[in-house]
């Protein structure tokens, strides 16, 4: 059994000397534990520092493509390097690496294919009251969209079985955390969460610079993913609200007609109501089309999984790859 711990990085030369030595080299249940750094187009010495620190595998993307792309590239490479289980963690040493044995235990025991680290957001002193509430709200929305009970859906500290990694397809460029849980829940992946501790932060988050940025980005991500994976519910709710608005607009005209027999007034309300009815019908049609697209996405996902399995069977090597020893050079 092989475990690969992957660390997506962007300009992390200062953080890696702190975070990489904390990663375990032995984990119960595994014959081999290897470390891999995914350098997402860094402009500093991230790859060289990783090599100097003894990382086994280094994936170097030629330009910055975003955290989600780096994460997905890491999964692909780890699978091709023979990983049976893949743990993803951050380069900023936010997560306590001592929790990795607990994180992989549900996979080793066969209870889960995806295990998510639960940071207990409410207990993290470095998080502001606003950030805690926003994290909680976002996790609640994701739970509703995914039909899961994961309390901390934005954590990047996770463990994937080989099968879960093969099935996963993240298309959002900003972050993989939300989409991967919704996707896993929708396709019936067995998911668990385990309590993990966090370390004092080494730097501020690079994904968002303020609460407003966090709200804007995550709200957009959740909306897009919800529309993609729950199109009938998403667009159906919008259509229903429009029909309700149309009914409200028609009320003055209907009351005058029923009670007074007068059908001559309320032209503006009738026009607005008619526009809302037409829009509601269009959104309902859009819901059907989106549902058909979602069905096609499921087929495409199954096709991609089979292609990945064929690549593994034929020994296709990972792209943009080098060994840590190769990057260090002789001596």
Foldseek 3Di string as FASTA:
>chain_A
DEEEEEEEDAQLLPQQVPAVVQADQDAPPDPGYAYEYEYQQHPDCVLLSCLVVPHFKYFYDNHHQADVVSVLLVLLQCVLVPHQKYWYAYSQQFFRNVCVNVQCVCVSVPQFQKEAEDAVLVPDPVDDPLRSVVQQVLQVLLCVLLVDDDRGQQHRGMMGGNLLSLLDDDDDRHDDRSLSSSVCSLVVGRYYYDYTHTDPGPDDDPSDDDSVRVCVVSVVVSLVSSCQRVVCVNLVVVLVVLQVQLVVLCVVQVCCCVPPVDNPDSPVSNVSSVVSNVVSVVSNVVSVVSVVVSVVVSVVSVVSSVVSVVCSVVSPHRPSMDTSDVSNPDD
